[in-house]
């Protein structure tokens, strides 16, 4: 019977483990840059305690804005976001059965997949959703799902997670569903080619694939387990099975480190996030304790830090070196639902939804949002509080001067936002 930190290894297929016992890789040092450069707040200059100053004079100087203050204020608003495209189904807008639980770009970022309560995987060409060069900046294009969608695949259960399988050239898409099944679909034949039902019928909240060789899969479920498996083995036999929480709380999210290395991040309903070394799964190598409620998402920001989201209404950035909390981000509303979390690594921006039906963008350097947009009817600026923003996904390409954010709502509406970096010198 599985207990805290327990491990179950497959002996039947030892080839599944053959590359997991290699010597440890060199220290992770995938630092990244931003323009302006990423930096933590610089402490105020040290003042000699022996130096005396008139209190009134000190207060005036403290309140006087400096050049650095002015630069930081402008930097907080260096992005200009515009709504470009709205995809909806007018006949069913607002129905709970249309909730979009997940949005994923394929590795080439030319194809978009969505899934959710409607038991459909919808596939879109990103090019058809992006604004044309002739489209005026403030114009919003409205599309119908039926016309915008290239095709869809019906699934036997509601979907909670989608991930493209590495090494498949965008042909194989994995899904996790409410019946506890992980299924892979061939997008050329539109048929399932792999199925794994090892969570006892309990909902699979999240799945992910490693970018290493061999490709490994991981899934987290309501059954309280994180399971790691090898898609090369028939039936996806288990490589490891652990129960991160001592009391068997659901595992809500999993993510392999996309920058390489052996780390796997996990978020649980026990209010904690964990990091495992996939070569030694007997217990977590790091534990992140700071959320007041369920940890719903974990995302690596770079090779040395990650971001978590919780139903306590905040995001947190952590050091992967020592589990130190670096910063807390708050402003959105999240008390009970999965509202999405995505990281745009080129520009250091975080995107998430909110239960007040707004999409939020945070700059990793500051704890307050730098942009908020309401999901009003047909993409209007107003906020329809009958629903909530349930999923978000950044398109990683685009350099550092332009970005694309997709967001989906509980009403099934997709909205595409284009962000452009302002010139600080011209502000």
Protein backbone atom coordinates (compact mmCIF):
# COMPACT_ATOMS: atom_id res chain seq x y z
CA UNK A 1 0.00 0.00 0.00
CA UNK A 2 1.39 3.38 -0.97
CA UNK A 3 2.45 5.70 1.79
CA UNK A 4 4.33 8.96 2.16
CA UNK A 5 7.21 9.13 -0.31
CA UNK A 6 6.77 5.48 -1.30
CA UNK A 7 8.17 4.12 -4.58
CA UNK A 8 7.17 1.33 -6.91
CA UNK A 9 9.57 0.33 -9.69
CA UNK A 10 8.85 -1.81 -12.68
CA UNK A 11 11.16 -4.79 -12.93
CA UNK A 12 9.36 -6.30 -15.88
CA UNK A 13 10.77 -3.74 -18.32
CA UNK A 14 14.19 -2.68 -17.03
CA UNK A 15 14.89 -0.88 -20.31
CA UNK A 16 12.48 1.81 -19.13
CA UNK A 17 15.01 2.77 -16.46
CA UNK A 18 18.24 2.33 -18.34
CA UNK A 19 18.94 6.02 -18.94
CA UNK A 20 17.72 7.24 -15.56
CA UNK A 21 20.82 6.12 -13.67
CA UNK A 22 23.31 8.22 -15.58
CA UNK A 23 25.68 10.48 -13.65
CA UNK A 24 24.14 13.72 -12.41
CA UNK A 25 24.17 16.49 -15.03
CA UNK A 26 26.18 19.65 -14.44
CA UNK A 27 24.56 22.34 -12.27
CA UNK A 28 21.59 23.99 -13.91
CA UNK A 29 22.58 27.46 -15.02
CA UNK A 30 20.03 28.36 -17.64
CA UNK A 31 19.92 32.03 -16.76
CA UNK A 32 17.85 34.21 -19.03
CA UNK A 33 17.82 37.85 -19.93
CA UNK A 34 15.20 40.48 -20.37
CA UNK A 35 15.16 43.95 -21.84
CA UNK A 36 15.27 45.74 -19.43
CA UNK A 37 17.34 43.07 -17.66
CA UNK A 38 15.68 40.92 -15.02
CA UNK A 39 16.65 42.06 -11.55
CA UNK A 40 15.47 41.90 -7.98
CA UNK A 41 14.78 45.19 -6.19
CA UNK A 42 18.00 46.89 -5.23
CA UNK A 43 18.26 47.77 -1.50
CA UNK A 44 18.44 51.40 -0.53
CA UNK A 45 22.01 52.72 -0.13
CA UNK A 46 23.40 52.14 3.35
CA UNK A 47 23.43 55.27 5.48
CA UNK A 48 26.03 55.76 8.19
CA UNK A 49 24.26 55.53 11.54
CA UNK A 50 26.56 58.20 12.96
CA UNK A 51 25.33 60.67 10.38
CA UNK A 52 22.56 62.88 11.77
CA UNK A 53 19.94 64.66 9.72
CA UNK A 54 16.95 66.85 10.40
CA UNK A 55 13.83 64.60 10.51
CA UNK A 56 11.80 67.04 8.40
CA UNK A 57 14.57 67.23 5.83
CA UNK A 58 14.83 63.43 5.82
CA UNK A 59 11.08 63.07 5.17
CA UNK A 60 11.20 65.52 2.26
CA UNK A 61 14.11 63.64 0.72
CA UNK A 62 12.42 60.28 1.23
CA UNK A 63 9.27 61.47 -0.53
CA UNK A 64 11.09 63.10 -3.41
CA UNK A 65 10.86 60.96 -6.57
CA UNK A 66 14.17 59.91 -8.03
CA UNK A 67 15.21 59.07 -11.56
CA UNK A 68 15.21 55.39 -10.61
CA UNK A 69 11.65 55.68 -9.27
CA UNK A 70 10.54 57.28 -12.52
CA UNK A 71 12.19 54.55 -14.59
CA UNK A 72 10.64 51.78 -12.48
CA UNK A 73 7.18 53.37 -12.74
CA UNK A 74 7.44 53.48 -16.54
CA UNK A 75 8.85 49.95 -16.66
CA UNK A 76 5.74 48.61 -14.93
CA UNK A 77 3.66 49.75 -17.90
CA UNK A 78 6.05 48.96 -20.73
CA UNK A 79 3.61 46.58 -22.45
CA UNK A 80 0.63 47.52 -24.59
CA UNK A 81 -1.88 44.67 -24.94
CA UNK A 82 -4.77 44.65 -27.40
CA UNK A 83 -7.57 42.17 -27.97
CA UNK A 84 -7.24 40.88 -31.51
CA UNK A 85 -9.49 37.85 -32.02
CA UNK A 86 -12.54 36.36 -30.30
CA UNK A 87 -13.67 32.80 -31.09
CA UNK A 88 -17.08 31.79 -29.75
CA UNK A 89 -20.23 29.81 -30.46
CA UNK A 90 -23.14 32.27 -30.21
CA UNK A 91 -25.75 29.54 -29.80
CA UNK A 92 -24.10 28.07 -26.69
CA UNK A 93 -22.16 30.93 -25.11
CA UNK A 94 -22.43 30.85 -21.34
CA UNK A 95 -23.13 27.15 -20.99
CA UNK A 96 -21.10 25.43 -18.29
CA UNK A 97 -20.60 22.46 -20.62
CA UNK A 98 -18.33 24.64 -22.80
CA UNK A 99 -15.71 25.44 -20.13
CA UNK A 100 -12.20 25.42 -21.61
CA UNK A 101 -9.90 23.68 -19.16
CA UNK A 102 -6.69 23.70 -21.18
CA UNK A 103 -5.04 25.51 -24.11
CA UNK A 104 -1.79 24.27 -25.66
CA UNK A 105 0.41 25.38 -28.56
CA UNK A 106 2.25 22.63 -30.44
CA UNK A 107 6.11 22.65 -30.45
CA UNK A 108 6.20 24.63 -33.71
CA UNK A 109 3.59 27.02 -32.27
CA UNK A 110 1.66 26.91 -35.54
CA UNK A 111 -1.15 24.73 -34.15
CA UNK A 112 -3.39 25.31 -31.14
CA UNK A 113 -5.32 22.65 -29.24
CA UNK A 114 -8.07 23.18 -26.66
CA UNK A 115 -9.98 20.80 -24.42
CA UNK A 116 -12.45 20.89 -21.57
CA UNK A 117 -15.89 19.93 -20.40
CA UNK A 118 -17.33 19.57 -23.93
CA UNK A 119 -15.42 16.27 -24.49
CA UNK A 120 -13.75 17.57 -27.62
CA UNK A 121 -10.19 18.32 -28.62
CA UNK A 122 -10.38 21.24 -31.02
CA UNK A 123 -7.44 21.92 -33.34
CA UNK A 124 -6.84 25.40 -34.81
CA UNK A 125 -4.30 26.84 -37.19
CA UNK A 126 -2.63 29.66 -35.28
CA UNK A 127 -2.21 31.63 -38.50
CA UNK A 128 -5.98 31.82 -38.91
CA UNK A 129 -6.34 33.34 -35.43
CA UNK A 130 -3.51 35.88 -35.57
CA UNK A 131 -4.26 39.40 -36.80
CA UNK A 132 -3.35 40.13 -40.41
CA UNK A 133 -0.92 42.90 -41.27
CA UNK A 134 -3.80 44.87 -42.77
CA UNK A 135 -5.94 44.60 -39.64
CA UNK A 136 -6.09 47.93 -37.74
CA UNK A 137 -4.61 47.68 -34.27
CA UNK A 138 -7.87 48.30 -32.40
CA UNK A 139 -10.08 46.09 -34.58
CA UNK A 140 -11.34 42.82 -33.10
CA UNK A 141 -12.08 39.90 -35.40
CA UNK A 142 -14.99 37.69 -34.29
CA UNK A 143 -14.96 34.05 -35.42
CA UNK A 144 -17.21 31.07 -34.86
CA UNK A 145 -15.65 27.90 -33.43
CA UNK A 146 -17.14 25.83 -36.24
CA UNK A 147 -15.49 27.98 -38.91
CA UNK A 148 -12.21 28.69 -37.12
CA UNK A 149 -11.55 25.12 -35.98
CA UNK A 150 -9.68 22.94 -38.51
CA UNK A 151 -11.18 19.79 -36.98
CA UNK A 152 -12.09 18.24 -33.66
CA UNK A 153 -11.73 14.84 -31.99
CA UNK A 154 -14.49 13.58 -29.71
CA UNK A 155 -13.23 12.09 -26.43
CA UNK A 156 -14.98 9.66 -24.10
CA UNK A 157 -14.62 11.89 -21.03
CA UNK A 158 -14.16 15.50 -19.98
CA UNK A 159 -10.59 16.72 -20.40
CA UNK A 160 -8.41 18.39 -17.80
CA UNK A 161 -4.99 18.36 -19.48
CA UNK A 162 -3.33 18.30 -22.92
CA UNK A 163 0.35 17.96 -23.86
CA UNK A 164 2.15 17.40 -27.14
CA UNK A 165 4.45 14.40 -26.99
CA UNK A 166 8.08 15.40 -27.73
CA UNK A 167 9.71 13.82 -30.74
CA UNK A 168 6.44 13.27 -32.59
CA UNK A 169 6.77 16.35 -34.86
CA UNK A 170 3.49 17.65 -33.49
CA UNK A 171 1.63 14.54 -34.56
CA UNK A 172 0.86 12.98 -31.15
CA UNK A 173 -1.18 14.79 -28.49
CA UNK A 174 -1.60 13.38 -24.99
CA UNK A 175 -4.66 14.02 -22.83
CA UNK A 176 -5.70 13.41 -19.23
CA UNK A 177 -9.39 13.06 -18.43
CA UNK A 178 -11.96 12.96 -15.66
CA UNK A 179 -12.14 9.15 -15.82
CA UNK A 180 -8.50 8.79 -14.79
CA UNK A 181 -7.24 7.80 -18.24
CA UNK A 182 -4.21 9.11 -20.14
CA UNK A 183 -4.76 8.83 -23.91
CA UNK A 184 -2.53 9.75 -26.83
CA UNK A 185 -4.10 10.72 -30.15
CA UNK A 186 -2.60 10.61 -33.64
CA UNK A 187 -3.63 13.92 -35.15
CA UNK A 188 -3.29 12.62 -38.71
CA UNK A 189 -5.66 9.71 -38.27
CA UNK A 190 -7.65 11.44 -35.47
CA UNK A 191 -7.57 8.14 -33.57
CA UNK A 192 -6.26 7.09 -30.14
CA UNK A 193 -2.97 5.17 -30.32
CA UNK A 194 -2.10 4.78 -26.63
CA UNK A 195 -4.15 4.45 -23.47
CA UNK A 196 -3.12 4.20 -19.85
CA UNK A 197 -5.66 3.62 -17.07
CA UNK A 198 -3.66 3.27 -13.85
CA UNK A 199 -5.25 5.88 -11.56
CA UNK A 200 -8.17 3.72 -10.48
CA UNK A 201 -10.77 5.77 -12.30
CA UNK A 202 -9.83 8.91 -10.35
CA UNK A 203 -9.56 12.14 -12.32
CA UNK A 204 -6.21 12.93 -13.95
CA UNK A 205 -5.63 16.62 -13.34
CA UNK A 206 -2.36 17.02 -15.19
CA UNK A 207 0.14 15.28 -17.45
CA UNK A 208 3.48 16.24 -18.94
CA UNK A 209 6.35 14.77 -20.93
CA UNK A 210 10.07 15.16 -20.35
CA UNK A 211 12.22 16.61 -23.12
CA UNK A 212 15.03 14.20 -22.31
CA UNK A 213 15.84 10.91 -24.00
CA UNK A 214 14.06 8.65 -23.37
CA UNK A 215 10.81 10.58 -23.26
CA UNK A 216 9.01 9.94 -19.98
CA UNK A 217 5.44 10.80 -19.10
CA UNK A 218 4.07 11.89 -15.74
CA UNK A 219 0.50 12.25 -14.51
CA UNK A 220 -1.07 13.53 -11.30
CA UNK A 221 -4.47 12.45 -10.08
CA UNK A 222 -7.20 12.66 -7.49
CA UNK A 223 -5.96 9.28 -6.24
CA UNK A 224 -3.11 11.15 -4.52
CA UNK A 225 -0.34 9.73 -6.70
CA UNK A 226 2.22 11.03 -9.13
CA UNK A 227 2.94 8.32 -11.67
CA UNK A 228 5.86 8.38 -14.07
CA UNK A 229 5.70 6.07 -17.07
CA UNK A 230 7.50 5.24 -20.29
CA UNK A 231 5.39 5.56 -23.46
CA UNK A 232 7.75 3.13 -25.24
CA UNK A 233 6.59 0.32 -22.97
CA UNK A 234 3.36 -1.34 -24.02
CA UNK A 235 0.53 -0.01 -21.91
CA UNK A 236 2.76 2.69 -20.45
CA UNK A 237 4.11 0.56 -17.62
CA UNK A 238 5.01 2.51 -14.51
CA UNK A 239 8.57 3.65 -13.92
CA UNK A 240 7.74 5.20 -10.55
CA UNK A 241 4.70 5.86 -8.40
CA UNK A 242 4.85 8.19 -5.41
CA UNK A 243 2.36 9.73 -3.02
CA UNK A 244 3.74 13.23 -2.26
CA UNK A 245 1.22 13.96 0.49
CA UNK A 246 1.22 11.87 3.64
CA UNK A 247 -2.57 12.03 3.81
CA UNK A 248 -3.08 11.15 0.12
CA UNK A 249 -4.23 14.58 -1.06
CA UNK A 250 -4.84 14.94 -4.81
CA UNK A 251 -1.90 15.74 -7.09
CA UNK A 252 -3.11 18.71 -9.15
CA UNK A 253 -0.19 19.53 -11.45
CA UNK A 254 3.06 18.10 -12.79
CA UNK A 255 5.79 19.61 -14.97
CA UNK A 256 9.20 18.37 -16.06
CA UNK A 257 11.92 20.99 -16.19
CA UNK A 258 11.77 22.16 -19.85
CA UNK A 259 15.35 23.46 -19.61
CA UNK A 260 16.74 19.95 -19.19
CA UNK A 261 18.01 18.09 -16.18
CA UNK A 262 16.28 15.58 -13.94
CA UNK A 263 13.77 17.75 -12.06
CA UNK A 264 10.01 17.20 -11.94
CA UNK A 265 7.76 19.72 -10.16
CA UNK A 266 4.49 18.73 -8.50
CA UNK A 267 1.66 20.71 -6.88
CA UNK A 268 -0.74 19.17 -4.37
CA UNK A 269 -3.93 19.83 -2.47
CA UNK A 270 -1.91 19.69 0.76
CA UNK A 271 -0.95 23.33 0.04
CA UNK A 272 2.59 22.41 -0.96
CA UNK A 273 4.66 22.07 -4.11
CA UNK A 274 7.46 19.56 -4.45
CA UNK A 275 10.42 18.91 -6.74
CA UNK A 276 11.61 15.37 -7.43
CA UNK A 277 14.79 14.07 -9.05
CA UNK A 278 13.48 11.52 -11.55
CA UNK A 279 16.56 9.33 -11.00
CA UNK A 280 15.79 8.97 -7.29
CA UNK A 281 12.05 9.11 -6.71
CA UNK A 282 12.01 7.80 -3.13
CA UNK A 283 11.20 11.31 -1.88
CA UNK A 284 11.21 14.95 -2.98
CA UNK A 285 14.49 16.83 -3.07
CA UNK A 286 12.71 20.12 -2.34
CA UNK A 287 9.46 21.10 -0.63
CA UNK A 288 7.81 24.51 -1.11
CA UNK A 289 5.56 25.56 1.75
CA UNK A 290 3.88 28.96 1.50
CA UNK A 291 0.40 28.68 -0.01
CA UNK A 292 -2.63 28.71 2.26
CA UNK A 293 -4.74 26.47 0.01
CA UNK A 294 -4.42 23.94 -2.83
CA UNK A 295 -1.51 24.37 -5.25
CA UNK A 296 -3.16 24.13 -8.67
CA UNK A 297 -0.26 24.82 -11.06
CA UNK A 298 3.53 24.72 -11.15
CA UNK A 299 5.61 26.16 -14.00
CA UNK A 300 9.38 26.45 -14.40
CA UNK A 301 10.35 30.04 -15.11
CA UNK A 302 13.96 29.20 -15.92
CA UNK A 303 16.48 26.59 -14.85
CA UNK A 304 16.73 27.99 -11.33
CA UNK A 305 13.26 29.22 -10.42
CA UNK A 306 9.62 28.21 -10.77
CA UNK A 307 6.17 29.69 -10.23
CA UNK A 308 3.22 28.11 -8.43
CA UNK A 309 -0.45 29.08 -8.31
CA UNK A 310 -2.91 28.34 -5.53
CA UNK A 311 -6.55 28.74 -4.66
CA UNK A 312 -5.43 31.21 -2.01
CA UNK A 313 -5.53 33.81 -4.79
CA UNK A 314 -1.81 34.28 -5.32
CA UNK A 315 1.13 33.16 -7.41
CA UNK A 316 4.55 32.56 -5.88
CA UNK A 317 8.02 32.46 -7.39
CA UNK A 318 10.50 30.07 -5.79
CA UNK A 319 14.20 29.34 -6.00
CA UNK A 320 14.79 25.79 -7.22
CA UNK A 321 18.24 25.90 -5.61
CA UNK A 322 17.02 26.12 -2.00
CA UNK A 323 13.16 26.29 -2.03
CA UNK A 324 13.31 29.94 -0.97
CA UNK A 325 10.24 32.07 -1.71
CA UNK A 326 11.29 35.00 -3.89
CA UNK A 327 8.08 36.90 -4.57
CA UNK A 328 4.29 36.72 -4.23
CA UNK A 329 1.92 37.97 -6.94
CA UNK A 330 -1.64 38.94 -6.05
CA UNK A 331 -4.57 40.82 -7.55
CA UNK A 332 -6.61 38.11 -9.29
CA UNK A 333 -9.41 36.16 -7.62
CA UNK A 334 -8.99 32.42 -7.14
CA UNK A 335 -10.73 30.61 -4.31
CA UNK A 336 -11.94 27.33 -5.77
CA UNK A 337 -11.39 26.87 -9.54
CA UNK A 338 -8.55 26.08 -11.91
CA UNK A 339 -7.98 29.41 -13.67
CA UNK A 340 -4.81 28.63 -15.62
CA UNK A 341 -1.18 29.66 -15.31
CA UNK A 342 1.31 30.23 -18.12
CA UNK A 343 4.81 31.68 -18.28
CA UNK A 344 6.23 33.67 -21.20
CA UNK A 345 9.91 33.00 -20.60
CA UNK A 346 11.36 35.35 -23.24
CA UNK A 347 9.80 38.39 -21.64
CA UNK A 348 9.40 37.37 -18.01
CA UNK A 349 5.61 37.65 -17.95
CA UNK A 350 3.05 35.50 -16.13
CA UNK A 351 -0.52 35.03 -17.29
CA UNK A 352 -3.45 33.68 -15.29
CA UNK A 353 -7.21 33.79 -15.21
CA UNK A 354 -9.51 34.91 -12.44
CA UNK A 355 -12.85 33.98 -10.95
CA UNK A 356 -14.11 37.52 -11.55
CA UNK A 357 -13.86 36.78 -15.30
CA UNK A 358 -10.69 38.71 -16.01
CA UNK A 359 -7.31 37.77 -17.44
CA UNK A 360 -4.25 39.03 -15.55
CA UNK A 361 -0.66 39.60 -16.62
CA UNK A 362 2.17 39.98 -14.08
CA UNK A 363 5.75 41.02 -14.70
CA UNK A 364 7.96 38.65 -12.69
CA UNK A 365 9.73 41.68 -11.19
CA UNK A 366 6.68 43.05 -9.37
CA UNK A 367 3.93 41.58 -7.24
CA UNK A 368 1.05 43.59 -8.72
CA UNK A 369 -0.51 42.96 -12.15
CA UNK A 370 0.71 45.10 -15.05
CA UNK A 371 -2.38 44.46 -17.18
CA UNK A 372 -5.96 43.27 -16.58
CA UNK A 373 -8.71 42.64 -19.12
CA UNK A 374 -12.34 41.65 -18.55
CA UNK A 375 -13.99 38.85 -20.52
CA UNK A 376 -17.06 40.77 -21.55
CA UNK A 377 -19.64 39.64 -24.09
CA UNK A 378 -17.98 39.08 -27.48
CA UNK A 379 -14.70 40.47 -26.21
CA UNK A 380 -15.91 43.82 -24.92
CA UNK A 381 -13.98 45.55 -22.16
CA UNK A 382 -16.80 45.01 -19.68
CA UNK A 383 -16.65 42.06 -17.29
CA UNK A 384 -19.42 39.45 -17.27
CA UNK A 385 -19.23 38.13 -13.70
CA UNK A 386 -21.35 35.08 -14.48
CA UNK A 387 -18.26 33.16 -15.61
CA UNK A 388 -14.53 33.01 -15.07
CA UNK A 389 -11.33 32.81 -17.11
CA UNK A 390 -10.42 29.13 -16.91
CA UNK A 391 -7.25 28.72 -19.01
CA UNK A 392 -4.37 30.74 -20.47
CA UNK A 393 -1.35 29.98 -22.65
CA UNK A 394 1.51 32.13 -23.94
CA UNK A 395 2.98 31.56 -27.37
CA UNK A 396 6.70 31.34 -26.63
CA UNK A 397 7.95 32.63 -29.99
CA UNK A 398 7.93 36.31 -30.87
CA UNK A 399 11.23 37.62 -29.53
CA UNK A 400 11.27 40.09 -26.67
CA UNK A 401 9.29 42.91 -28.27
CA UNK A 402 6.01 41.17 -29.10
CA UNK A 403 4.01 38.38 -27.47
CA UNK A 404 0.76 36.47 -27.91
CA UNK A 405 -1.53 35.32 -25.12
CA UNK A 406 -4.50 32.99 -25.58
CA UNK A 407 -7.16 32.83 -22.89
CA UNK A 408 -10.27 30.69 -22.58
CA UNK A 409 -13.36 31.13 -20.46
CA UNK A 410 -15.92 29.03 -18.66
CA UNK A 411 -18.32 30.03 -21.45
CA UNK A 412 -16.13 28.37 -24.09
CA UNK A 413 -14.94 31.65 -25.60
CA UNK A 414 -11.33 31.97 -26.80
CA UNK A 415 -9.67 35.37 -26.84
CA UNK A 416 -6.31 36.20 -28.43
CA UNK A 417 -4.29 39.16 -27.14
CA UNK A 418 -1.23 40.68 -28.77
CA UNK A 419 1.29 42.50 -26.58
CA UNK A 420 3.87 44.97 -27.85
CA UNK A 421 6.66 46.46 -25.82
CA UNK A 422 6.50 50.24 -25.61
CA UNK A 423 9.52 52.44 -26.07
CA UNK A 424 10.32 53.76 -22.59
CA UNK A 425 12.15 56.71 -24.06
CA UNK A 426 9.00 57.90 -25.79
CA UNK A 427 6.80 57.77 -22.65
